N, C-alpha and C. Protein backbone atom coordinates (compact mmCIF):
# COMPACT_ATOMS: atom_id res chain seq x y z
N MET A 1 72.54 99.26 78.44
CA MET A 1 73.81 99.05 78.96
C MET A 1 74.66 98.46 77.83
N ALA A 2 75.89 99.05 77.74
CA ALA A 2 76.81 98.63 76.60
C ALA A 2 77.50 97.28 76.97
N THR A 3 77.46 96.36 75.98
CA THR A 3 78.14 95.10 76.28
C THR A 3 79.25 94.76 75.28
N GLY A 4 79.46 95.65 74.30
CA GLY A 4 80.49 95.42 73.30
C GLY A 4 80.95 96.73 72.73
N PRO A 5 82.08 96.70 71.95
CA PRO A 5 82.56 97.95 71.38
C PRO A 5 81.65 98.55 70.36
N ASP A 6 80.87 97.78 69.69
CA ASP A 6 79.91 98.31 68.72
C ASP A 6 78.68 98.95 69.32
N GLU A 7 78.50 98.82 70.61
CA GLU A 7 77.39 99.43 71.32
C GLU A 7 77.72 100.63 72.19
N LEU A 8 79.01 101.00 72.19
CA LEU A 8 79.44 102.17 72.94
C LEU A 8 79.04 103.47 72.19
N SER A 9 78.66 104.44 72.94
CA SER A 9 78.34 105.73 72.36
C SER A 9 79.43 106.74 72.92
N VAL A 10 79.88 107.60 72.06
CA VAL A 10 80.88 108.59 72.42
C VAL A 10 80.25 109.95 72.11
N THR A 11 80.22 110.82 73.07
CA THR A 11 79.70 112.14 72.95
C THR A 11 80.85 113.12 72.67
N ASP A 12 80.78 113.79 71.55
CA ASP A 12 81.74 114.79 71.19
C ASP A 12 81.33 116.17 71.62
N TYR A 13 82.01 116.74 72.60
CA TYR A 13 81.72 118.04 73.00
C TYR A 13 82.41 119.18 72.25
N GLY A 14 83.31 118.78 71.33
CA GLY A 14 84.03 119.71 70.56
C GLY A 14 85.14 120.36 71.33
N PRO A 15 85.96 121.11 70.57
CA PRO A 15 87.15 121.79 71.26
C PRO A 15 86.51 122.98 72.14
N ASN A 16 87.07 123.12 73.28
CA ASN A 16 86.57 124.19 74.26
C ASN A 16 87.87 124.71 74.94
N PRO A 17 88.64 125.49 74.22
CA PRO A 17 89.94 125.95 74.83
C PRO A 17 89.92 126.73 76.06
N GLN A 18 88.82 127.32 76.39
CA GLN A 18 88.78 128.13 77.62
C GLN A 18 88.57 127.19 78.89
N ASN A 19 88.35 125.97 78.68
CA ASN A 19 88.19 125.02 79.84
C ASN A 19 89.31 124.02 79.95
N VAL A 20 90.45 124.45 79.75
CA VAL A 20 91.68 123.58 79.84
C VAL A 20 91.95 123.33 81.34
N ASP A 21 92.23 121.98 81.68
CA ASP A 21 92.57 121.64 83.06
C ASP A 21 94.13 121.53 83.06
N VAL A 22 94.75 121.98 84.15
CA VAL A 22 96.17 121.90 84.30
C VAL A 22 96.58 121.22 85.56
N PHE A 23 97.49 120.28 85.50
CA PHE A 23 98.03 119.70 86.72
C PHE A 23 99.58 119.71 86.43
N TRP A 24 100.23 120.54 87.12
CA TRP A 24 101.68 120.79 86.95
C TRP A 24 102.41 120.36 88.18
N THR A 25 103.36 119.50 88.14
CA THR A 25 104.07 118.99 89.30
C THR A 25 105.60 119.29 89.11
N ASN A 26 106.19 119.87 90.16
CA ASN A 26 107.66 120.15 90.18
C ASN A 26 108.20 119.32 91.35
N THR A 27 109.29 118.65 91.21
CA THR A 27 109.92 117.88 92.27
C THR A 27 111.39 118.13 92.28
N PHE A 28 111.90 118.57 93.37
CA PHE A 28 113.32 118.88 93.61
C PHE A 28 113.78 117.90 94.67
N SER A 29 114.86 117.17 94.34
CA SER A 29 115.49 116.26 95.35
C SER A 29 116.89 116.65 95.58
N LEU A 30 117.31 116.55 96.83
CA LEU A 30 118.66 116.97 97.20
C LEU A 30 119.19 115.98 98.23
N THR A 31 120.46 115.47 97.98
CA THR A 31 121.08 114.67 98.95
C THR A 31 122.06 115.58 99.67
N VAL A 32 121.77 115.73 100.97
CA VAL A 32 122.60 116.71 101.82
C VAL A 32 123.93 116.07 102.19
N ASN A 33 123.82 114.90 102.72
CA ASN A 33 125.03 114.17 103.01
C ASN A 33 124.76 112.65 102.96
N LYS A 34 125.61 111.83 103.49
CA LYS A 34 125.48 110.36 103.34
C LYS A 34 124.11 109.85 103.93
N TRP A 35 123.58 110.49 104.98
CA TRP A 35 122.35 110.00 105.58
C TRP A 35 121.12 110.85 105.42
N LEU A 36 121.29 112.13 104.97
CA LEU A 36 120.11 113.00 104.91
C LEU A 36 119.73 113.33 103.46
N GLN A 37 118.45 113.20 103.16
CA GLN A 37 117.91 113.58 101.86
C GLN A 37 116.68 114.52 102.05
N VAL A 38 116.57 115.50 101.20
CA VAL A 38 115.49 116.47 101.19
C VAL A 38 114.79 116.48 99.88
N THR A 39 113.45 116.43 99.89
CA THR A 39 112.68 116.48 98.71
C THR A 39 111.59 117.55 98.85
N TYR A 40 111.46 118.38 97.84
CA TYR A 40 110.45 119.45 97.81
C TYR A 40 109.55 119.21 96.62
N ASN A 41 108.24 119.22 96.83
CA ASN A 41 107.28 118.93 95.77
C ASN A 41 106.27 120.12 95.71
N PHE A 42 106.06 120.67 94.59
CA PHE A 42 105.13 121.76 94.38
C PHE A 42 104.12 121.40 93.27
N ASP A 43 102.88 121.38 93.59
CA ASP A 43 101.80 121.11 92.46
C ASP A 43 100.97 122.29 92.34
N LEU A 44 100.69 122.58 91.09
CA LEU A 44 99.74 123.64 90.67
C LEU A 44 98.60 122.94 89.87
N ILE A 45 97.33 123.15 90.41
CA ILE A 45 96.23 122.51 89.80
C ILE A 45 95.13 123.56 89.41
N TYR A 46 94.69 123.50 88.17
CA TYR A 46 93.60 124.36 87.78
C TYR A 46 92.60 123.53 87.03
N ASP A 47 91.35 123.41 87.61
CA ASP A 47 90.34 122.63 86.99
C ASP A 47 89.07 123.53 86.96
N ASP A 48 88.58 123.85 85.70
CA ASP A 48 87.46 124.73 85.59
C ASP A 48 86.15 124.15 86.19
N ASP A 49 86.09 122.82 86.28
CA ASP A 49 84.88 122.20 86.85
C ASP A 49 84.82 122.28 88.32
N VAL A 50 85.89 122.49 88.98
CA VAL A 50 85.93 122.58 90.46
C VAL A 50 85.84 124.03 90.81
N ARG A 51 84.70 124.38 91.41
CA ARG A 51 84.43 125.79 91.73
C ARG A 51 84.20 125.87 93.22
N GLN A 52 85.30 126.22 93.95
CA GLN A 52 85.19 126.21 95.40
C GLN A 52 85.76 127.51 96.01
N PHE A 53 85.96 128.52 95.19
CA PHE A 53 86.48 129.79 95.70
C PHE A 53 85.53 130.94 95.44
N GLY A 54 85.78 132.08 96.02
CA GLY A 54 84.92 133.17 95.86
C GLY A 54 83.90 133.33 97.04
N PRO A 55 83.19 134.35 97.06
CA PRO A 55 82.20 134.55 98.19
C PRO A 55 81.06 133.55 98.16
N LYS A 56 80.67 133.07 96.98
CA LYS A 56 79.55 132.08 96.94
C LYS A 56 80.03 130.71 96.53
N LYS A 57 81.35 130.45 96.58
CA LYS A 57 81.91 129.21 96.27
C LYS A 57 81.61 128.79 94.84
N ASN A 58 81.61 129.75 93.92
CA ASN A 58 81.23 129.43 92.53
C ASN A 58 82.30 129.98 91.55
N VAL A 59 83.48 130.09 91.96
CA VAL A 59 84.58 130.62 91.10
C VAL A 59 85.71 129.56 90.97
N ALA A 60 86.13 129.28 89.81
CA ALA A 60 87.29 128.38 89.60
C ALA A 60 88.58 129.20 89.82
N ALA A 61 89.52 128.61 90.44
CA ALA A 61 90.84 129.30 90.73
C ALA A 61 91.88 128.25 90.78
N ALA A 62 93.18 128.72 90.72
CA ALA A 62 94.29 127.84 90.79
C ALA A 62 94.47 127.29 92.30
N GLN A 63 94.84 126.11 92.45
CA GLN A 63 95.06 125.47 93.72
C GLN A 63 96.52 125.06 93.74
N MET A 64 97.16 125.31 94.92
CA MET A 64 98.50 125.02 95.04
C MET A 64 98.79 124.09 96.23
N ARG A 65 99.71 123.19 96.03
CA ARG A 65 100.09 122.29 97.16
C ARG A 65 101.63 122.22 97.21
N SER A 66 102.14 122.35 98.42
CA SER A 66 103.57 122.35 98.62
C SER A 66 103.94 121.27 99.74
N LEU A 67 104.96 120.46 99.49
CA LEU A 67 105.34 119.39 100.37
C LEU A 67 106.82 119.43 100.51
N LEU A 68 107.27 119.43 101.77
CA LEU A 68 108.72 119.31 102.08
C LEU A 68 108.90 118.05 102.88
N ALA A 69 109.82 117.27 102.38
CA ALA A 69 110.05 115.95 103.04
C ALA A 69 111.56 115.90 103.34
N ILE A 70 111.87 115.46 104.59
CA ILE A 70 113.23 115.29 105.06
C ILE A 70 113.32 113.86 105.54
N GLY A 71 114.30 113.13 105.02
CA GLY A 71 114.36 111.71 105.37
C GLY A 71 115.77 111.24 105.64
N LEU A 72 115.84 110.25 106.39
CA LEU A 72 117.12 109.62 106.69
C LEU A 72 117.29 108.38 105.74
N ALA A 73 118.52 108.25 105.26
CA ALA A 73 118.76 107.13 104.29
C ALA A 73 119.78 106.23 104.92
N ALA A 74 119.61 104.95 104.79
CA ALA A 74 120.62 103.97 105.32
C ALA A 74 120.73 102.80 104.27
N LYS A 75 121.92 102.33 104.19
CA LYS A 75 122.16 101.22 103.31
C LYS A 75 122.44 99.98 104.11
N PHE A 76 121.84 98.87 103.72
CA PHE A 76 122.01 97.60 104.47
C PHE A 76 122.77 96.65 103.61
């Protein structure tokens, strides 16, 4: 068990450009009028270590998430 900085071990796996992970977020905000606000959020995630697609659940693929929020705003 490491107890200090001189006892830590670092494993260098080297550059591996084919296994790049991507987390890309886009957020769009719109104020419709004095009381109404709309926000749209789109996330694109690609992680080579997460393999949950394909017929045998062993293929890495892009994952997408989309969120639409509509809210009321009030000033006190």
